[in-house]
Protein backbone atom coordinates (compact mmCIF):
# COMPACT_ATOMS: atom_id res chain seq x y z
CA MET A 1 -71.56 -25.95 17.72
CA LEU A 2 -74.22 -25.77 24.10
CA ALA A 3 -74.26 -26.82 27.41
CA ILE A 4 -75.00 -30.54 27.68
CA ASP A 5 -75.06 -32.76 30.75
CA GLY A 6 -74.85 -36.55 30.73
CA GLY A 7 -74.16 -39.00 27.90
CA GLY A 8 -77.79 -39.58 26.93
CA SER A 9 -78.58 -35.91 26.55
CA VAL A 10 -75.41 -35.41 24.54
CA ASN A 11 -76.49 -37.96 21.97
CA ALA A 12 -80.01 -36.52 21.83
CA ALA A 13 -78.72 -32.99 21.34
CA TYR A 14 -76.23 -34.13 18.74
CA ALA A 15 -78.93 -35.91 16.79
CA ARG A 16 -81.09 -32.79 16.79
CA GLY A 17 -78.25 -30.56 15.65
CA PRO A 18 -76.55 -27.58 17.27
CA ALA A 19 -78.30 -25.22 19.62
CA PRO A 20 -78.02 -21.46 19.11
CA VAL A 21 -74.56 -20.31 20.11
CA THR A 22 -75.56 -16.88 21.44
CA GLY A 23 -73.43 -16.25 24.51
CA GLY A 24 -71.02 -18.98 23.48
CA PRO A 25 -70.74 -22.63 24.48
CA ASP A 26 -68.75 -23.86 27.46
CA PRO A 27 -65.40 -25.01 26.00
CA LYS A 28 -64.87 -27.54 28.82
CA GLN A 29 -68.20 -29.19 28.08
CA VAL A 30 -67.37 -29.27 24.38
CA GLU A 31 -64.10 -31.03 25.17
CA ARG A 32 -65.92 -33.63 27.28
CA ASN A 33 -68.95 -34.19 25.11
CA TYR A 34 -67.74 -33.98 21.51
CA GLN A 35 -65.88 -37.30 21.43
CA VAL A 36 -66.46 -40.33 19.22
CA PRO A 37 -65.19 -43.87 19.97
CA ASP A 38 -62.22 -45.30 18.09
CA ASP A 39 -63.21 -47.14 14.93
CA LYS A 40 -61.52 -49.96 13.05
CA VAL A 41 -58.97 -48.76 10.48
CA ILE A 42 -59.08 -50.22 6.96
CA GLU A 43 -57.46 -49.81 3.55
CA TRP A 44 -60.25 -48.54 1.31
CA SER A 45 -60.39 -48.23 -2.47
CA PRO A 46 -63.25 -47.21 -4.78
CA SER A 47 -65.64 -49.88 -6.04
CA LEU A 48 -68.10 -49.86 -8.92
CA PHE A 49 -71.55 -48.81 -7.71
CA GLY A 50 -70.06 -48.96 -4.21
CA ALA A 51 -70.25 -52.75 -4.29
CA ILE A 52 -68.02 -54.28 -7.00
CA PRO A 53 -64.31 -54.22 -6.09
CA LEU A 54 -61.97 -52.82 -8.75
CA GLY A 55 -58.85 -54.52 -7.48
CA GLY A 56 -57.27 -51.39 -6.07
CA LEU A 57 -57.78 -49.27 -9.18
CA GLY A 58 -58.04 -45.66 -8.15
CA GLY A 59 -55.62 -46.13 -5.26
CA THR A 60 -56.20 -46.88 -1.61
CA ARG A 61 -56.72 -44.76 1.48
CA THR A 62 -56.24 -45.58 5.15
CA ILE A 63 -59.53 -44.56 6.76
CA THR A 64 -62.01 -45.78 9.34
CA GLN A 65 -64.30 -48.65 8.50
CA THR A 66 -67.37 -46.39 8.80
CA GLU A 67 -65.85 -43.80 6.47
CA GLY A 68 -65.32 -46.58 3.94
CA THR A 69 -68.94 -47.70 4.18
CA LEU A 70 -70.14 -44.13 3.66
CA LEU A 71 -67.85 -43.60 0.67
CA ASP A 72 -69.27 -46.80 -0.81
CA ASN A 73 -72.75 -45.34 -0.25
CA LEU A 74 -71.67 -42.15 -2.00
CA THR A 75 -70.34 -44.12 -4.98
CA ARG A 76 -73.54 -46.16 -5.10
CA ASP A 77 -75.70 -43.01 -5.02
CA ARG A 78 -73.63 -40.59 -7.10
CA GLY A 79 -71.10 -42.71 -8.99
CA PHE A 80 -67.47 -41.81 -9.54
CA VAL A 81 -68.53 -38.28 -10.47
CA GLY A 82 -69.87 -37.87 -6.95
CA LEU A 83 -66.68 -39.30 -5.50
CA ASN A 84 -64.68 -36.78 -7.51
CA THR A 85 -66.95 -33.97 -6.27
CA PHE A 86 -66.25 -35.13 -2.72
CA LYS A 87 -62.50 -34.91 -3.32
CA ASN A 88 -62.81 -31.49 -4.96
CA ILE A 89 -64.74 -30.13 -1.98
CA ALA A 90 -61.97 -31.32 0.36
CA ASP A 91 -59.34 -29.60 -1.80
CA GLU A 92 -61.50 -26.48 -1.96
CA ALA A 93 -61.84 -26.39 1.83
CA PHE A 94 -58.06 -26.25 2.18
CA SER A 95 -57.56 -23.57 -0.45
CA VAL A 96 -60.49 -21.34 0.60
CA SER A 97 -59.54 -21.55 4.28
CA GLU A 98 -56.00 -20.41 3.56
CA GLN A 99 -57.23 -17.57 1.34
CA ARG A 100 -59.83 -16.37 3.83
CA VAL A 101 -57.85 -17.01 7.02
CA PRO A 102 -54.13 -17.06 6.21
CA PRO A 103 -52.18 -19.46 8.44
CA ALA A 104 -49.96 -18.11 11.19
CA THR A 105 -46.54 -16.96 10.03
CA THR A 106 -44.75 -17.28 13.37
CA ILE A 107 -44.98 -19.63 16.33
CA PRO A 108 -45.73 -17.82 19.63
CA ALA A 109 -43.62 -18.52 22.68
CA ASP A 110 -46.24 -20.69 24.40
CA ALA A 111 -46.53 -22.96 21.37
CA GLN A 112 -42.74 -23.08 21.04
CA ARG A 113 -42.54 -24.37 24.61
CA GLN A 114 -45.19 -26.99 23.82
CA ILE A 115 -43.17 -28.12 20.79
CA ALA A 116 -39.96 -28.23 22.82
CA ALA A 117 -41.65 -30.56 25.32
CA LEU A 118 -42.38 -33.14 22.59
CA PRO A 119 -40.05 -36.05 21.82
CA PRO A 120 -37.21 -34.79 19.60
CA GLU A 121 -38.38 -36.83 16.60
CA GLU A 122 -41.80 -35.09 16.70
CA GLN A 123 -40.68 -31.50 17.10
CA ALA A 124 -39.96 -30.64 13.46
CA LEU A 125 -43.28 -32.09 12.28
CA ALA A 126 -45.18 -30.21 14.99
CA ALA A 127 -43.50 -26.94 14.04
CA ARG A 128 -44.43 -27.41 10.38
CA ALA A 129 -48.02 -28.34 11.28
CA TYR A 130 -48.61 -25.50 13.74
CA PRO A 131 -49.72 -22.77 11.27
CA LYS A 132 -52.59 -24.81 9.79
CA ASN A 133 -53.66 -26.82 12.86
CA ASP A 134 -55.68 -25.94 15.95
CA GLY A 135 -56.24 -22.30 15.07
CA HIS A 136 -58.56 -20.09 13.05
CA THR A 137 -57.53 -21.48 9.65
CA ASP A 138 -58.30 -25.00 10.90
CA ALA A 139 -61.63 -23.95 12.41
CA PHE A 140 -62.74 -22.24 9.20
CA ARG A 141 -61.67 -25.24 7.09
CA HIS A 142 -63.72 -27.75 9.06
CA ALA A 143 -66.83 -25.58 9.19
CA TYR A 144 -66.64 -24.70 5.49
CA TRP A 145 -65.92 -28.33 4.50
CA ASN A 146 -69.05 -29.45 6.32
CA ALA A 147 -71.14 -26.62 4.88
CA ARG A 148 -70.12 -27.54 1.34
CA LEU A 149 -70.58 -31.29 1.88
CA THR A 150 -74.02 -30.67 3.39
CA SER A 151 -75.05 -28.56 0.40
CA GLU A 152 -73.90 -31.29 -1.98
CA PHE A 153 -74.64 -34.58 -0.21
CA GLY A 154 -77.12 -33.72 2.53
CA GLU A 155 -76.87 -33.18 6.26
CA ASN A 156 -77.23 -36.82 7.34
CA TRP A 157 -74.50 -38.24 5.11
CA THR A 158 -72.18 -35.35 5.96
CA LYS A 159 -72.74 -35.68 9.70
CA GLN A 160 -72.10 -39.42 9.59
CA PHE A 161 -69.00 -39.12 7.44
CA THR A 162 -67.29 -36.24 9.22
CA THR A 163 -68.07 -37.79 12.61
CA ALA A 164 -66.66 -41.14 11.49
CA HIS A 165 -63.60 -39.26 10.23
CA GLU A 166 -62.73 -38.40 13.84
CA GLY A 167 -62.84 -42.07 14.87
CA LEU A 168 -59.21 -42.78 13.97
CA PRO A 169 -57.59 -44.35 17.03
CA GLY A 170 -55.39 -42.10 19.13
CA ASN A 171 -57.00 -38.76 18.26
CA GLY A 172 -56.35 -36.22 21.00
CA ALA A 173 -59.53 -35.23 22.81
CA VAL A 174 -59.10 -31.46 22.40
CA ARG A 175 -58.51 -31.53 18.66
CA GLU A 176 -61.26 -34.10 18.14
CA ALA A 177 -63.77 -31.97 20.06
CA MET A 178 -62.73 -28.85 18.15
CA ASP A 179 -63.23 -30.56 14.81
CA LEU A 180 -66.55 -32.19 15.69
CA TYR A 181 -67.91 -28.94 17.05
CA ASN A 182 -66.81 -26.80 14.12
CA ASN A 183 -68.13 -29.46 11.72
CA GLU A 184 -71.53 -29.13 13.36
CA VAL A 185 -71.59 -25.36 13.01
CA GLY A 186 -70.76 -25.70 9.31
CA ARG A 187 -73.59 -28.14 8.74
CA ARG A 188 -76.03 -25.89 10.52
CA ILE A 189 -75.00 -22.93 8.38
CA ALA A 190 -75.73 -24.95 5.22
CA VAL A 191 -79.08 -26.23 6.51
CA GLU A 192 -80.18 -22.72 7.48
CA ASN A 193 -79.07 -21.32 4.09
CA PRO A 194 -80.03 -24.02 1.55
CA ASN A 195 -79.69 -21.77 -1.49
CA ALA A 196 -76.33 -20.24 -0.55
CA SER A 197 -73.52 -20.35 -3.10
CA PRO A 198 -70.05 -21.54 -2.05
CA ASP A 199 -68.92 -17.92 -1.70
CA GLU A 200 -71.94 -17.12 0.44
CA LEU A 201 -71.29 -20.15 2.63
CA ALA A 202 -67.69 -18.98 3.03
CA ASP A 203 -68.96 -15.53 4.07
CA LEU A 204 -71.26 -17.10 6.66
CA VAL A 205 -68.50 -19.31 8.05
CA GLN A 206 -66.20 -16.29 8.21
CA LYS A 207 -68.85 -14.41 10.20
CA ALA A 208 -69.23 -17.35 12.58
CA LEU A 209 -65.46 -17.35 13.09
CA ASP A 210 -65.35 -13.61 13.70
CA ASP A 211 -68.33 -13.75 16.06
CA GLY A 212 -66.81 -16.45 18.25
CA GLU A 213 -69.17 -19.24 17.16
CA LEU A 214 -66.32 -21.60 16.28
CA MET A 215 -63.72 -23.21 18.55
CA VAL A 216 -59.93 -22.91 18.45
CA VAL A 217 -57.15 -24.03 20.80
CA ASP A 218 -55.95 -21.47 23.30
CA ARG A 219 -52.36 -20.97 24.41
CA GLY A 220 -52.86 -23.46 27.24
CA GLY A 221 -53.75 -26.28 24.82
CA HIS A 222 -57.51 -26.30 25.45
CA LEU A 223 -60.57 -25.00 23.62
CA ALA A 224 -61.75 -21.42 23.51
CA ALA A 225 -64.23 -19.43 21.44
CA SER A 226 -62.74 -18.23 18.17
CA ASP A 227 -63.02 -14.57 19.18
CA ASP A 228 -61.23 -15.17 22.49
CA VAL A 229 -57.91 -16.09 20.86
CA ALA A 230 -55.93 -13.68 18.68
CA ARG A 231 -55.29 -14.76 15.11
CA GLY A 232 -51.89 -16.39 14.84
CA GLN A 233 -51.63 -16.78 18.61
CA HIS A 234 -53.38 -20.10 19.15
CA GLY A 235 -51.84 -22.96 21.06
CA MET A 236 -51.32 -26.63 20.33
CA ALA A 237 -53.99 -29.11 21.37
CA ASP A 238 -53.30 -31.33 24.34
CA PRO A 239 -52.77 -34.74 22.63
CA THR A 240 -54.37 -36.84 25.39
CA PRO A 241 -57.23 -38.97 23.98
CA ALA A 242 -60.59 -39.48 25.71
CA ASN A 243 -63.41 -41.99 25.65
CA GLY A 244 -66.17 -41.59 23.09
CA VAL A 245 -69.46 -39.97 24.11
CA ILE A 246 -71.14 -39.60 20.72
CA ASP A 247 -72.01 -42.96 19.16
CA THR A 248 -70.07 -44.13 16.13
CA PRO A 249 -72.32 -43.42 13.10
CA LYS A 250 -74.22 -46.37 11.65
CA GLY A 251 -72.86 -45.75 8.17
CA ASP A 252 -76.31 -46.11 6.61
CA ALA A 253 -76.73 -42.58 5.24
CA SER A 254 -77.45 -41.92 1.60
CA ALA A 255 -75.44 -39.31 -0.28
CA GLY A 256 -78.36 -38.43 -2.50
CA GLY A 257 -78.42 -34.85 -1.26
CA SER A 258 -81.37 -34.88 1.11
């Protein structure tokens, strides 16, 4: 989820979809090229037909402006049932990822040193987050989430939404690249297997993880192929942000499933 040179060719390749990953991508190029610009942050709440405000009924979420537009499109196209399906797929991605790829149970020494180098007020949160972030569980979750969303709402809507999701200001470049890349692999799996059931999609994502087609964070804080890092021995992503290379999505995709 490809060796790309130059900003223009990155956007062209991204629009076409992922290239075959045989031989593995260059993790350094993934870190450079899989970046989206910061987006405006808004407080979003569901609206009737995606257009008529409900005065905050249904709660609010802090998301990017483009995510909000795309969720309005989803509500317009699929109603509140579709919005509920979207939420259920997100919950499913968390549960299936933890069943298929159990989170790490210990924190390796390299990651402990990374945590110790953080400001004291951030250390406890980082230690709690380590098992489910930056490693194989995280990689599986993003790829499976995108595969399921693609099967339900179509590749274009899913690509726009999950790319916009990474546009929150301050995202670290390594984690953002990992997520965008693994998202892309998940979408490709769904497109190439349009009749696959959720369990079959999970099997295909698991195979991609085992075969090194996904990205995780190595013990130095940078990206590596998922078969180059031992399970439960991943590192913590370098938190430094980077400039966007991939354009912010237009937010014009339909969630009709095509």
